[in-house]
Amino acid sequence: MKLQKFIDHTLLKATATEQDIINLCNEAKEHHFYAVCVNGCYVKLAKEQLKNTDIKIAAVVGFPLGMMSTRAKVFEAEQCIKDGADEIDMVINVGKLKSGETKYVEEEIFKIKNEIEDKILKVILENCYLTEDEIQLACQLALNADADFVKTSTGFGTGGATFKDIKLMNDIVDGKAQIKAAGGIRDLETALKYIKLGVTRLGTSSGVDLVTKGKTDKNQY
């Protein structure tokens, strides 16, 4: 197993500079990560830095709260794809889900998937704000809307991925979509346990440390 091929090497902080993104891409090239994950304004830069490589570019949409209009999310996804993104990590509208507006949540996911067509769509549930039933409901809505992945967290909420949540998500997606774990994955043991549970992608800013079997400062995401 090549751990690096599970990793979305991630930098989504508000303070990220162009040089930080260049460094991120250089690390991705050095360690052969599957993808980098960046904010939309840096997709073009990442595309330029990663030309002539097979490293994918994931861009976040509706990040990190997911509370903007569907139209705004669709436009953001469209622009990210135009700029060179291969994958979109979108945040659901948690408030709408908790209000029981399941049709709204499902249609929003569907509209973004329809916009990006054959590009990969990962749906961020932000599990730290959801009950167990809501996590499983959100997974089902994502499946209904043809999402490619369900994802645990933004890393900017009150909590990140947990083993318990992965099991809940797996019970619903059952191989019909893939699972991405993100938020708080900072050591090799944790990363490998997620993979054993069926996770196929890891979102982390600690990718270099994971593949070199190191550990990082716990304040990092």
N, C-alpha and C. Protein backbone atom coordinates (compact mmCIF):
# COMPACT_ATOMS: atom_id res chain seq x y z
N MET A 1 0.83 -1.21 0.00
CA MET A 1 0.00 0.00 0.00
C MET A 1 0.86 1.26 0.00
N LYS A 2 0.56 2.17 -0.89
CA LYS A 2 1.28 3.44 -0.93
C LYS A 2 0.44 4.51 -0.24
N LEU A 3 0.80 4.81 0.99
CA LEU A 3 0.03 5.76 1.80
C LEU A 3 -0.14 7.10 1.10
N GLN A 4 0.90 7.54 0.39
CA GLN A 4 0.85 8.86 -0.23
C GLN A 4 -0.28 9.00 -1.24
N LYS A 5 -0.72 7.87 -1.80
CA LYS A 5 -1.78 7.91 -2.81
C LYS A 5 -3.17 8.01 -2.18
N PHE A 6 -3.23 8.02 -0.87
CA PHE A 6 -4.49 8.26 -0.16
C PHE A 6 -4.62 9.73 0.27
N ILE A 7 -3.57 10.50 0.09
CA ILE A 7 -3.50 11.82 0.74
C ILE A 7 -3.84 12.97 -0.19
N ASP A 8 -4.81 13.80 0.28
CA ASP A 8 -5.04 15.13 -0.28
C ASP A 8 -4.23 16.09 0.59
N HIS A 9 -3.10 16.55 0.07
CA HIS A 9 -2.20 17.44 0.83
C HIS A 9 -2.86 18.82 0.88
N THR A 10 -3.19 19.27 2.08
CA THR A 10 -4.19 20.33 2.24
C THR A 10 -3.63 21.59 2.88
N LEU A 11 -4.03 22.73 2.30
CA LEU A 11 -3.76 24.03 2.92
C LEU A 11 -4.93 24.96 2.62
N LEU A 12 -5.74 25.21 3.65
CA LEU A 12 -6.96 25.99 3.48
C LEU A 12 -7.04 27.18 4.42
N LYS A 13 -5.97 27.46 5.13
CA LYS A 13 -5.98 28.57 6.10
C LYS A 13 -6.15 29.92 5.40
N ALA A 14 -6.80 30.84 6.10
CA ALA A 14 -7.01 32.18 5.55
C ALA A 14 -5.71 32.92 5.33
N THR A 15 -4.68 32.54 6.03
CA THR A 15 -3.39 33.22 5.94
C THR A 15 -2.46 32.62 4.89
N ALA A 16 -2.91 31.61 4.17
CA ALA A 16 -2.06 30.95 3.17
C ALA A 16 -1.65 31.94 2.07
N THR A 17 -0.37 32.04 1.83
CA THR A 17 0.16 32.94 0.80
C THR A 17 0.44 32.15 -0.48
N GLU A 18 0.76 32.88 -1.54
CA GLU A 18 1.13 32.22 -2.79
C GLU A 18 2.34 31.32 -2.59
N GLN A 19 3.31 31.80 -1.83
CA GLN A 19 4.50 30.99 -1.58
C GLN A 19 4.16 29.73 -0.79
N ASP A 20 3.21 29.84 0.12
CA ASP A 20 2.77 28.66 0.87
C ASP A 20 2.18 27.61 -0.08
N ILE A 21 1.42 28.06 -1.06
CA ILE A 21 0.81 27.14 -2.02
C ILE A 21 1.89 26.51 -2.91
N ILE A 22 2.85 27.31 -3.31
CA ILE A 22 3.98 26.77 -4.09
C ILE A 22 4.71 25.70 -3.28
N ASN A 23 4.93 25.98 -2.00
CA ASN A 23 5.58 25.00 -1.13
C ASN A 23 4.75 23.73 -1.02
N LEU A 24 3.43 23.90 -0.88
CA LEU A 24 2.52 22.76 -0.80
C LEU A 24 2.65 21.87 -2.04
N CYS A 25 2.66 22.51 -3.19
CA CYS A 25 2.76 21.77 -4.46
C CYS A 25 4.12 21.08 -4.59
N ASN A 26 5.16 21.75 -4.15
CA ASN A 26 6.49 21.13 -4.18
C ASN A 26 6.55 19.90 -3.29
N GLU A 27 5.92 19.99 -2.12
CA GLU A 27 5.86 18.82 -1.23
C GLU A 27 5.06 17.69 -1.86
N ALA A 28 3.98 18.06 -2.53
CA ALA A 28 3.16 17.04 -3.20
C ALA A 28 3.96 16.32 -4.28
N LYS A 29 4.76 17.08 -5.01
CA LYS A 29 5.60 16.47 -6.05
C LYS A 29 6.69 15.59 -5.44
N GLU A 30 7.29 16.08 -4.38
CA GLU A 30 8.38 15.34 -3.74
C GLU A 30 7.90 14.00 -3.18
N HIS A 31 6.71 14.02 -2.59
CA HIS A 31 6.22 12.83 -1.89
C HIS A 31 5.15 12.07 -2.68
N HIS A 32 4.84 12.55 -3.87
CA HIS A 32 3.91 11.85 -4.77
C HIS A 32 2.51 11.68 -4.16
N PHE A 33 2.01 12.75 -3.55
CA PHE A 33 0.66 12.69 -3.00
C PHE A 33 -0.37 12.60 -4.13
N TYR A 34 -1.55 12.08 -3.78
CA TYR A 34 -2.60 11.94 -4.80
C TYR A 34 -3.06 13.31 -5.29
N ALA A 35 -3.25 14.24 -4.35
CA ALA A 35 -3.81 15.55 -4.71
C ALA A 35 -3.35 16.61 -3.73
N VAL A 36 -3.52 17.87 -4.15
CA VAL A 36 -3.48 18.99 -3.22
C VAL A 36 -4.90 19.51 -3.09
N CYS A 37 -5.22 20.07 -1.94
CA CYS A 37 -6.54 20.65 -1.71
C CYS A 37 -6.35 22.10 -1.29
N VAL A 38 -6.91 23.02 -2.07
CA VAL A 38 -6.68 24.45 -1.87
C VAL A 38 -7.98 25.23 -2.00
N ASN A 39 -7.95 26.47 -1.56
CA ASN A 39 -9.07 27.38 -1.79
C ASN A 39 -9.11 27.79 -3.27
N GLY A 40 -10.29 28.20 -3.70
CA GLY A 40 -10.52 28.48 -5.12
C GLY A 40 -9.58 29.49 -5.74
N CYS A 41 -9.18 30.50 -4.97
CA CYS A 41 -8.33 31.55 -5.54
C CYS A 41 -6.95 31.04 -5.92
N TYR A 42 -6.59 29.86 -5.42
CA TYR A 42 -5.25 29.32 -5.69
C TYR A 42 -5.25 28.15 -6.67
N VAL A 43 -6.40 27.85 -7.27
CA VAL A 43 -6.45 26.72 -8.20
C VAL A 43 -5.52 26.95 -9.39
N LYS A 44 -5.58 28.14 -9.98
CA LYS A 44 -4.73 28.43 -11.14
C LYS A 44 -3.25 28.29 -10.80
N LEU A 45 -2.87 28.79 -9.64
CA LEU A 45 -1.47 28.70 -9.21
C LEU A 45 -1.06 27.24 -9.03
N ALA A 46 -1.92 26.47 -8.38
CA ALA A 46 -1.62 25.05 -8.18
C ALA A 46 -1.52 24.32 -9.52
N LYS A 47 -2.41 24.67 -10.44
CA LYS A 47 -2.39 24.04 -11.77
C LYS A 47 -1.05 24.30 -12.46
N GLU A 48 -0.59 25.53 -12.36
CA GLU A 48 0.69 25.91 -12.96
C GLU A 48 1.85 25.15 -12.31
N GLN A 49 1.81 25.05 -10.99
CA GLN A 49 2.89 24.40 -10.26
C GLN A 49 2.93 22.89 -10.49
N LEU A 50 1.78 22.31 -10.80
CA LEU A 50 1.69 20.86 -10.91
C LEU A 50 1.60 20.37 -12.35
N LYS A 51 1.85 21.26 -13.30
CA LYS A 51 1.80 20.84 -14.70
C LYS A 51 2.83 19.74 -14.95
N ASN A 52 2.49 18.86 -15.86
CA ASN A 52 3.35 17.71 -16.21
C ASN A 52 3.51 16.71 -15.06
N THR A 53 2.54 16.71 -14.14
CA THR A 53 2.48 15.68 -13.09
C THR A 53 1.09 15.05 -13.14
N ASP A 54 0.92 13.95 -12.40
CA ASP A 54 -0.41 13.33 -12.32
C ASP A 54 -1.11 13.68 -11.02
N ILE A 55 -0.60 14.68 -10.31
CA ILE A 55 -1.20 15.10 -9.04
C ILE A 55 -2.47 15.90 -9.32
N LYS A 56 -3.56 15.50 -8.66
CA LYS A 56 -4.85 16.15 -8.87
C LYS A 56 -4.95 17.42 -8.02
N ILE A 57 -5.87 18.29 -8.45
CA ILE A 57 -6.16 19.51 -7.69
C ILE A 57 -7.60 19.46 -7.21
N ALA A 58 -7.76 19.50 -5.89
CA ALA A 58 -9.08 19.58 -5.29
C ALA A 58 -9.30 21.00 -4.78
N ALA A 59 -10.48 21.54 -5.05
CA ALA A 59 -10.82 22.89 -4.59
C ALA A 59 -12.06 22.83 -3.71
N VAL A 60 -12.09 23.65 -2.68
CA VAL A 60 -13.25 23.66 -1.79
C VAL A 60 -14.29 24.65 -2.28
N VAL A 61 -15.55 24.31 -2.03
CA VAL A 61 -16.69 25.13 -2.45
C VAL A 61 -17.64 25.28 -1.26
N GLY A 62 -18.11 26.52 -1.04
CA GLY A 62 -19.01 26.78 0.08
C GLY A 62 -18.30 26.61 1.41
N PHE A 63 -17.03 26.90 1.40
CA PHE A 63 -16.16 26.56 2.53
C PHE A 63 -15.94 27.76 3.44
N PRO A 64 -15.94 27.58 4.77
CA PRO A 64 -16.16 26.33 5.49
C PRO A 64 -17.57 26.13 6.04
N LEU A 65 -18.45 27.14 5.92
CA LEU A 65 -19.76 27.06 6.59
C LEU A 65 -20.86 26.41 5.76
N GLY A 66 -20.76 26.52 4.44
CA GLY A 66 -21.78 25.92 3.58
C GLY A 66 -23.09 26.67 3.54
N MET A 67 -23.12 27.90 4.04
CA MET A 67 -24.40 28.59 4.23
C MET A 67 -24.74 29.62 3.16
N MET A 68 -23.96 29.68 2.09
CA MET A 68 -24.32 30.59 1.00
C MET A 68 -25.36 29.94 0.10
N SER A 69 -25.86 30.70 -0.87
CA SER A 69 -26.91 30.17 -1.74
C SER A 69 -26.38 29.05 -2.63
N THR A 70 -27.30 28.22 -3.07
CA THR A 70 -26.92 27.15 -4.01
C THR A 70 -26.33 27.75 -5.27
N ARG A 71 -26.93 28.83 -5.75
CA ARG A 71 -26.43 29.47 -6.98
C ARG A 71 -24.98 29.89 -6.82
N ALA A 72 -24.64 30.44 -5.66
CA ALA A 72 -23.26 30.87 -5.41
C ALA A 72 -22.31 29.67 -5.39
N LYS A 73 -22.76 28.57 -4.79
CA LYS A 73 -21.92 27.37 -4.76
C LYS A 73 -21.70 26.80 -6.16
N VAL A 74 -22.76 26.77 -6.94
CA VAL A 74 -22.64 26.25 -8.30
C VAL A 74 -21.67 27.10 -9.12
N PHE A 75 -21.78 28.41 -8.99
CA PHE A 75 -20.88 29.30 -9.71
C PHE A 75 -19.44 29.09 -9.26
N GLU A 76 -19.26 28.96 -7.95
CA GLU A 76 -17.91 28.75 -7.41
C GLU A 76 -17.30 27.45 -7.95
N ALA A 77 -18.11 26.40 -7.98
CA ALA A 77 -17.64 25.12 -8.51
C ALA A 77 -17.28 25.24 -9.98
N GLU A 78 -18.13 25.92 -10.74
CA GLU A 78 -17.88 26.13 -12.17
C GLU A 78 -16.55 26.85 -12.39
N GLN A 79 -16.32 27.90 -11.60
CA GLN A 79 -15.09 28.67 -11.76
C GLN A 79 -13.86 27.84 -11.39
N CYS A 80 -13.97 27.05 -10.33
CA CYS A 80 -12.84 26.22 -9.93
C CYS A 80 -12.48 25.22 -11.02
N ILE A 81 -13.48 24.63 -11.65
CA ILE A 81 -13.22 23.68 -12.74
C ILE A 81 -12.58 24.40 -13.92
N LYS A 82 -13.08 25.58 -14.25
CA LYS A 82 -12.49 26.36 -15.34
C LYS A 82 -11.03 26.68 -15.07
N ASP A 83 -10.72 26.93 -13.80
CA ASP A 83 -9.35 27.29 -13.42
C ASP A 83 -8.41 26.09 -13.36
N GLY A 84 -8.98 24.88 -13.43
CA GLY A 84 -8.12 23.70 -13.48
C GLY A 84 -8.32 22.65 -12.41
N ALA A 85 -9.35 22.80 -11.58
CA ALA A 85 -9.59 21.80 -10.53
C ALA A 85 -10.07 20.49 -11.14
N ASP A 86 -9.62 19.40 -10.56
CA ASP A 86 -10.06 18.06 -10.95
C ASP A 86 -11.16 17.54 -10.04
N GLU A 87 -11.21 18.08 -8.84
CA GLU A 87 -12.15 17.60 -7.82
C GLU A 87 -12.70 18.79 -7.05
N ILE A 88 -13.93 18.65 -6.58
CA ILE A 88 -14.57 19.68 -5.76
C ILE A 88 -14.96 19.07 -4.42
N ASP A 89 -14.56 19.75 -3.34
CA ASP A 89 -14.98 19.38 -1.98
C ASP A 89 -15.97 20.44 -1.52
N MET A 90 -17.26 20.12 -1.56
CA MET A 90 -18.30 21.09 -1.21
C MET A 90 -18.83 20.83 0.20
N VAL A 91 -19.26 21.91 0.86
CA VAL A 91 -19.85 21.81 2.19
C VAL A 91 -21.36 21.88 2.06
N ILE A 92 -22.07 20.93 2.68
CA ILE A 92 -23.52 20.98 2.65
C ILE A 92 -24.02 22.14 3.52
N ASN A 93 -25.28 22.48 3.35
CA ASN A 93 -25.92 23.46 4.20
C ASN A 93 -26.45 22.73 5.43
N VAL A 94 -25.66 22.75 6.49
CA VAL A 94 -26.00 22.01 7.71
C VAL A 94 -27.30 22.51 8.31
N GLY A 95 -27.51 23.82 8.30
CA GLY A 95 -28.73 24.38 8.86
C GLY A 95 -29.98 23.88 8.15
N LYS A 96 -29.91 23.79 6.82
CA LYS A 96 -31.04 23.27 6.06
C LYS A 96 -31.30 21.80 6.39
N LEU A 97 -30.22 21.03 6.54
CA LEU A 97 -30.38 19.62 6.92
C LEU A 97 -31.07 19.50 8.27
N LYS A 98 -30.62 20.30 9.23
CA LYS A 98 -31.19 20.25 10.57
C LYS A 98 -32.62 20.79 10.61
N SER A 99 -32.98 21.60 9.61
CA SER A 99 -34.35 22.11 9.51
C SER A 99 -35.28 21.10 8.83
N GLY A 100 -34.73 19.98 8.42
CA GLY A 100 -35.54 18.97 7.76
C GLY A 100 -35.74 19.20 6.28
N GLU A 101 -35.00 20.15 5.71
CA GLU A 101 -35.15 20.47 4.29
C GLU A 101 -34.24 19.57 3.45
N THR A 102 -34.56 18.30 3.47
CA THR A 102 -33.71 17.32 2.80
C THR A 102 -33.70 17.51 1.28
N LYS A 103 -34.82 17.93 0.73
CA LYS A 103 -34.87 18.15 -0.72
C LYS A 103 -33.89 19.24 -1.13
N TYR A 104 -33.83 20.30 -0.34
CA TYR A 104 -32.89 21.40 -0.62
C TYR A 104 -31.46 20.88 -0.63
N VAL A 105 -31.10 20.12 0.39
CA VAL A 105 -29.73 19.61 0.51
C VAL A 105 -29.39 18.70 -0.65
N GLU A 106 -30.29 17.78 -0.97
CA GLU A 106 -30.04 16.84 -2.06
C GLU A 106 -29.94 17.56 -3.40
N GLU A 107 -30.85 18.49 -3.65
CA GLU A 107 -30.84 19.21 -4.93
C GLU A 107 -29.59 20.06 -5.08
N GLU A 108 -29.11 20.63 -3.99
CA GLU A 108 -27.89 21.43 -4.06
C GLU A 108 -26.70 20.57 -4.46
N ILE A 109 -26.58 19.41 -3.85
CA ILE A 109 -25.50 18.48 -4.22
C ILE A 109 -25.63 18.09 -5.69
N PHE A 110 -26.86 17.77 -6.10
CA PHE A 110 -27.09 17.35 -7.49
C PHE A 110 -26.72 18.45 -8.47
N LYS A 111 -27.08 19.69 -8.16
CA LYS A 111 -26.79 20.80 -9.08
C LYS A 111 -25.28 21.01 -9.23
N ILE A 112 -24.55 20.86 -8.15
CA ILE A 112 -23.10 21.01 -8.25
C ILE A 112 -22.50 19.86 -9.04
N LYS A 113 -22.97 18.65 -8.77
CA LYS A 113 -22.47 17.49 -9.53
C LYS A 113 -22.80 17.64 -11.01
N ASN A 114 -23.99 18.11 -11.29
CA ASN A 114 -24.39 18.32 -12.68
C ASN A 114 -23.51 19.36 -13.37
N GLU A 115 -23.11 20.37 -12.64
CA GLU A 115 -22.27 21.44 -13.18
C GLU A 115 -20.87 20.93 -13.49
N ILE A 116 -20.32 20.10 -12.63
CA ILE A 116 -18.93 19.67 -12.81
C ILE A 116 -18.82 18.37 -13.61
N GLU A 117 -19.95 17.76 -13.90
CA GLU A 117 -20.05 16.59 -14.77
C GLU A 117 -19.15 15.44 -14.30
N ASP A 118 -18.14 15.11 -15.08
CA ASP A 118 -17.34 13.92 -14.77
C ASP A 118 -16.22 14.18 -13.76
N LYS A 119 -16.12 15.39 -13.27
CA LYS A 119 -15.14 15.68 -12.22
C LYS A 119 -15.63 15.08 -10.89
N ILE A 120 -14.71 14.85 -9.99
CA ILE A 120 -15.04 14.20 -8.72
C ILE A 120 -15.68 15.19 -7.75
N LEU A 121 -16.79 14.78 -7.13
CA LEU A 121 -17.45 15.61 -6.12
C LEU A 121 -17.40 14.91 -4.76
N LYS A 122 -16.81 15.62 -3.80
CA LYS A 122 -16.78 15.15 -2.42
C LYS A 122 -17.72 16.05 -1.61
N VAL A 123 -18.59 15.44 -0.84
CA VAL A 123 -19.60 16.17 -0.08
C VAL A 123 -19.20 16.18 1.40
N ILE A 124 -18.89 17.37 1.89
CA ILE A 124 -18.47 17.52 3.29
C ILE A 124 -19.71 17.65 4.17
N LEU A 125 -19.86 16.72 5.11
CA LEU A 125 -21.04 16.69 5.97
C LEU A 125 -20.88 17.54 7.22
N GLU A 126 -19.68 17.77 7.65
CA GLU A 126 -19.34 18.45 8.91
C GLU A 126 -20.01 17.73 10.08
N ASN A 127 -19.54 16.49 10.27
CA ASN A 127 -20.16 15.57 11.23
C ASN A 127 -20.20 16.09 12.66
N CYS A 128 -19.27 16.96 13.03
CA CYS A 128 -19.22 17.45 14.41
C CYS A 128 -20.51 18.17 14.82
N TYR A 129 -21.28 18.63 13.84
CA TYR A 129 -22.53 19.33 14.13
C TYR A 129 -23.76 18.44 13.98
N LEU A 130 -23.57 17.19 13.60
CA LEU A 130 -24.69 16.32 13.25
C LEU A 130 -24.89 15.19 14.27
N THR A 131 -26.14 14.77 14.41
CA THR A 131 -26.44 13.56 15.16
C THR A 131 -26.08 12.34 14.31
N GLU A 132 -26.08 11.18 14.92
CA GLU A 132 -25.80 9.96 14.15
C GLU A 132 -26.81 9.78 13.02
N ASP A 133 -28.08 10.02 13.32
CA ASP A 133 -29.11 9.89 12.28
C ASP A 133 -28.90 10.90 11.16
N GLU A 134 -28.50 12.11 11.52
CA GLU A 134 -28.26 13.14 10.50
C GLU A 134 -27.06 12.80 9.63
N ILE A 135 -26.03 12.22 10.21
CA ILE A 135 -24.87 11.79 9.42
C ILE A 135 -25.30 10.78 8.37
N GLN A 136 -26.09 9.82 8.80
CA GLN A 136 -26.52 8.78 7.86
C GLN A 136 -27.51 9.33 6.83
N LEU A 137 -28.36 10.24 7.25
CA LEU A 137 -29.28 10.88 6.30
C LEU A 137 -28.50 11.67 5.26
N ALA A 138 -27.51 12.43 5.70
CA ALA A 138 -26.71 13.22 4.76
C ALA A 138 -25.97 12.32 3.77
N CYS A 139 -25.49 11.19 4.24
CA CYS A 139 -24.84 10.23 3.34
C CYS A 139 -25.82 9.74 2.28
N GLN A 140 -27.04 9.45 2.69
CA GLN A 140 -28.04 8.97 1.73
C GLN A 140 -28.38 10.04 0.71
N LEU A 141 -28.50 11.28 1.15
CA LEU A 141 -28.79 12.38 0.23
C LEU A 141 -27.66 12.55 -0.78
N ALA A 142 -26.43 12.41 -0.31
CA ALA A 142 -25.27 12.51 -1.21
C ALA A 142 -25.30 11.39 -2.25
N LEU A 143 -25.64 10.19 -1.81
CA LEU A 143 -25.77 9.07 -2.75
C LEU A 143 -26.86 9.34 -3.77
N ASN A 144 -28.00 9.83 -3.29
CA ASN A 144 -29.12 10.12 -4.20
C ASN A 144 -28.73 11.11 -5.28
N ALA A 145 -27.82 12.03 -4.93
CA ALA A 145 -27.40 13.09 -5.85
C ALA A 145 -26.16 12.72 -6.65
N ASP A 146 -25.76 11.46 -6.59
CA ASP A 146 -24.64 10.95 -7.41
C ASP A 146 -23.27 11.50 -7.01
N ALA A 147 -23.10 11.84 -5.74
CA ALA A 147 -21.79 12.27 -5.26
C ALA A 147 -20.80 11.11 -5.33
N ASP A 148 -19.54 11.44 -5.52
CA ASP A 148 -18.50 10.42 -5.61
C ASP A 148 -17.94 10.05 -4.24
N PHE A 149 -17.92 11.02 -3.34
CA PHE A 149 -17.39 10.81 -1.99
C PHE A 149 -18.31 11.47 -0.97
N VAL A 150 -18.32 10.94 0.23
CA VAL A 150 -18.78 11.70 1.40
C VAL A 150 -17.54 11.95 2.27
N LYS A 151 -17.51 13.11 2.88
CA LYS A 151 -16.33 13.55 3.63
C LYS A 151 -16.75 13.98 5.01
N THR A 152 -15.93 13.67 6.01
CA THR A 152 -16.32 13.88 7.40
C THR A 152 -16.42 15.34 7.81
N SER A 153 -15.47 16.16 7.39
CA SER A 153 -15.27 17.44 8.07
C SER A 153 -14.53 18.45 7.21
N THR A 154 -14.70 19.72 7.60
CA THR A 154 -13.89 20.78 6.99
C THR A 154 -12.53 20.90 7.67
N GLY A 155 -12.48 20.51 8.95
CA GLY A 155 -11.29 20.78 9.76
C GLY A 155 -11.36 22.13 10.43
N PHE A 156 -12.44 22.87 10.16
CA PHE A 156 -12.61 24.20 10.75
C PHE A 156 -13.79 24.25 11.70
N GLY A 157 -14.44 23.12 11.93
CA GLY A 157 -15.56 23.05 12.86
C GLY A 157 -15.08 22.71 14.26
N THR A 158 -15.98 22.19 15.08
CA THR A 158 -15.64 21.88 16.47
C THR A 158 -14.97 20.52 16.63
N GLY A 159 -14.90 19.76 15.55
CA GLY A 159 -14.25 18.46 15.60
C GLY A 159 -13.97 17.95 14.20
N GLY A 160 -13.10 16.95 14.12
CA GLY A 160 -12.74 16.37 12.83
C GLY A 160 -13.26 14.96 12.69
N ALA A 161 -12.53 14.17 11.92
CA ALA A 161 -12.93 12.78 11.68
C ALA A 161 -12.84 11.96 12.97
N THR A 162 -13.74 10.98 13.08
CA THR A 162 -13.68 10.00 14.16
C THR A 162 -13.91 8.61 13.57
N PHE A 163 -13.38 7.61 14.24
CA PHE A 163 -13.57 6.24 13.77
C PHE A 163 -15.05 5.86 13.80
N LYS A 164 -15.75 6.31 14.83
CA LYS A 164 -17.18 6.01 14.96
C LYS A 164 -17.96 6.56 13.78
N ASP A 165 -17.67 7.78 13.40
CA ASP A 165 -18.39 8.39 12.28
C ASP A 165 -18.12 7.66 10.97
N ILE A 166 -16.89 7.22 10.78
CA ILE A 166 -16.57 6.48 9.56
C ILE A 166 -17.42 5.22 9.46
N LYS A 167 -17.60 4.54 10.57
CA LYS A 167 -18.42 3.33 10.58
C LYS A 167 -19.87 3.66 10.24
N LEU A 168 -20.38 4.76 10.79
CA LEU A 168 -21.75 5.19 10.48
C LEU A 168 -21.90 5.49 8.99
N MET A 169 -20.92 6.17 8.43
CA MET A 169 -20.97 6.54 7.02
C MET A 169 -20.87 5.30 6.13
N ASN A 170 -20.02 4.37 6.52
CA ASN A 170 -19.84 3.14 5.75
C ASN A 170 -21.11 2.31 5.69
N ASP A 171 -21.87 2.32 6.79
CA ASP A 171 -23.11 1.56 6.83
C ASP A 171 -24.08 2.01 5.74
N ILE A 172 -24.04 3.29 5.40
CA ILE A 172 -24.95 3.83 4.39
C ILE A 172 -24.36 3.75 2.99
N VAL A 173 -23.15 4.22 2.81
CA VAL A 173 -22.60 4.28 1.44
C VAL A 173 -22.27 2.89 0.91
N ASP A 174 -21.79 2.01 1.78
CA ASP A 174 -21.65 0.59 1.44
C ASP A 174 -21.04 0.35 0.06
N GLY A 175 -19.98 1.11 -0.23
CA GLY A 175 -19.28 0.92 -1.51
C GLY A 175 -19.87 1.68 -2.68
N LYS A 176 -21.01 2.32 -2.48
CA LYS A 176 -21.64 3.08 -3.57
C LYS A 176 -21.03 4.47 -3.74
N ALA A 177 -20.32 4.91 -2.73
CA ALA A 177 -19.51 6.14 -2.80
C ALA A 177 -18.28 5.88 -1.93
N GLN A 178 -17.27 6.68 -2.14
CA GLN A 178 -16.06 6.56 -1.33
C GLN A 178 -16.13 7.50 -0.13
N ILE A 179 -15.23 7.31 0.81
CA ILE A 179 -15.22 8.11 2.03
C ILE A 179 -13.87 8.81 2.19
N LYS A 180 -13.94 10.11 2.47
CA LYS A 180 -12.75 10.89 2.78
C LYS A 180 -12.82 11.31 4.24
N ALA A 181 -11.76 11.03 4.99
CA ALA A 181 -11.64 11.48 6.37
C ALA A 181 -10.75 12.71 6.41
N ALA A 182 -11.17 13.71 7.17
CA ALA A 182 -10.40 14.95 7.26
C ALA A 182 -10.58 15.57 8.64
N GLY A 183 -9.56 16.27 9.07
CA GLY A 183 -9.62 16.96 10.35
C GLY A 183 -9.00 16.13 11.46
N GLY A 184 -7.82 16.52 11.91
CA GLY A 184 -7.19 15.86 13.04
C GLY A 184 -6.37 14.63 12.73
N ILE A 185 -6.07 14.40 11.45
CA ILE A 185 -5.27 13.22 11.08
C ILE A 185 -3.81 13.63 11.04
N ARG A 186 -3.10 13.33 12.12
CA ARG A 186 -1.74 13.87 12.27
C ARG A 186 -0.67 12.81 12.52
N ASP A 187 -1.07 11.55 12.67
CA ASP A 187 -0.05 10.52 12.92
C ASP A 187 -0.35 9.28 12.09
N LEU A 188 0.68 8.50 11.87
CA LEU A 188 0.60 7.35 10.97
C LEU A 188 -0.40 6.31 11.46
N GLU A 189 -0.40 6.04 12.75
CA GLU A 189 -1.30 5.02 13.30
C GLU A 189 -2.76 5.36 13.00
N THR A 190 -3.12 6.62 13.20
CA THR A 190 -4.50 7.05 12.94
C THR A 190 -4.83 6.93 11.46
N ALA A 191 -3.93 7.38 10.61
CA ALA A 191 -4.15 7.32 9.17
C ALA A 191 -4.39 5.88 8.71
N LEU A 192 -3.57 4.97 9.18
CA LEU A 192 -3.69 3.57 8.77
C LEU A 192 -4.98 2.94 9.28
N LYS A 193 -5.42 3.35 10.46
CA LYS A 193 -6.67 2.81 10.99
C LYS A 193 -7.85 3.27 10.14
N TYR A 194 -7.84 4.53 9.71
CA TYR A 194 -8.91 5.00 8.83
C TYR A 194 -8.94 4.20 7.53
N ILE A 195 -7.79 3.95 6.98
CA ILE A 195 -7.72 3.18 5.73
C ILE A 195 -8.25 1.77 5.94
N LYS A 196 -7.93 1.18 7.07
CA LYS A 196 -8.42 -0.16 7.39
C LYS A 196 -9.94 -0.16 7.50
N LEU A 197 -10.52 0.95 7.93
CA LEU A 197 -11.98 1.06 8.06
C LEU A 197 -12.66 1.32 6.72
N GLY A 198 -11.87 1.51 5.67
CA GLY A 198 -12.47 1.68 4.35
C GLY A 198 -12.34 3.05 3.75
N VAL A 199 -11.68 3.97 4.45
CA VAL A 199 -11.45 5.31 3.90
C VAL A 199 -10.49 5.22 2.72
N THR A 200 -10.82 5.93 1.64
CA THR A 200 -9.95 5.90 0.45
C THR A 200 -9.21 7.21 0.21
N ARG A 201 -9.53 8.23 1.01
CA ARG A 201 -8.81 9.49 0.89
C ARG A 201 -8.68 10.13 2.27
N LEU A 202 -7.53 10.73 2.52
CA LEU A 202 -7.25 11.41 3.78
C LEU A 202 -6.95 12.87 3.49
N GLY A 203 -7.70 13.77 4.10
CA GLY A 203 -7.44 15.19 3.97
C GLY A 203 -6.63 15.66 5.16
N THR A 204 -5.42 16.14 4.91
CA THR A 204 -4.56 16.52 6.03
C THR A 204 -3.48 17.49 5.57
N SER A 205 -3.08 18.35 6.47
CA SER A 205 -1.92 19.22 6.22
C SER A 205 -0.65 18.56 6.73
N SER A 206 -0.80 17.36 7.29
CA SER A 206 0.34 16.66 7.89
C SER A 206 0.85 15.53 7.00
N GLY A 207 0.58 15.61 5.71
CA GLY A 207 0.95 14.53 4.81
C GLY A 207 2.43 14.19 4.82
N VAL A 208 3.27 15.21 4.84
CA VAL A 208 4.72 14.96 4.83
C VAL A 208 5.11 14.16 6.06
N ASP A 209 4.56 14.54 7.21
CA ASP A 209 4.88 13.84 8.45
C ASP A 209 4.33 12.41 8.44
N LEU A 210 3.17 12.22 7.84
CA LEU A 210 2.60 10.87 7.79
C LEU A 210 3.47 9.93 6.98
N VAL A 211 3.91 10.39 5.82
CA VAL A 211 4.68 9.49 4.96
C VAL A 211 6.12 9.33 5.42
N THR A 212 6.56 10.23 6.30
CA THR A 212 7.90 10.06 6.87
C THR A 212 7.82 9.54 8.30
N LYS A 213 6.60 9.12 8.69
CA LYS A 213 6.33 8.51 10.00
C LYS A 213 6.62 9.46 11.14
N GLY A 214 6.44 10.74 10.89
CA GLY A 214 6.65 11.72 11.95
C GLY A 214 5.34 12.19 12.53
N LYS A 215 5.43 13.14 13.43
CA LYS A 215 4.25 13.72 14.04
C LYS A 215 4.37 15.23 13.99
N THR A 216 3.22 15.90 14.06
CA THR A 216 3.21 17.35 13.91
C THR A 216 2.62 18.03 15.12
N ASP A 217 2.76 19.30 15.13
CA ASP A 217 2.14 20.14 16.15
C ASP A 217 0.63 19.95 16.10
N LYS A 218 0.01 19.77 17.25
CA LYS A 218 -1.42 19.45 17.28
C LYS A 218 -2.31 20.62 16.93
N ASN A 219 -1.75 21.78 16.77
CA ASN A 219 -2.56 22.94 16.38
C ASN A 219 -2.72 23.04 14.87
N GLN A 220 -2.05 22.19 14.13
CA GLN A 220 -2.14 22.27 12.68
C GLN A 220 -3.34 21.50 12.16
N TYR A 221 -3.84 21.95 11.01
CA TYR A 221 -4.82 21.16 10.25
C TYR A 221 -4.28 21.00 8.85
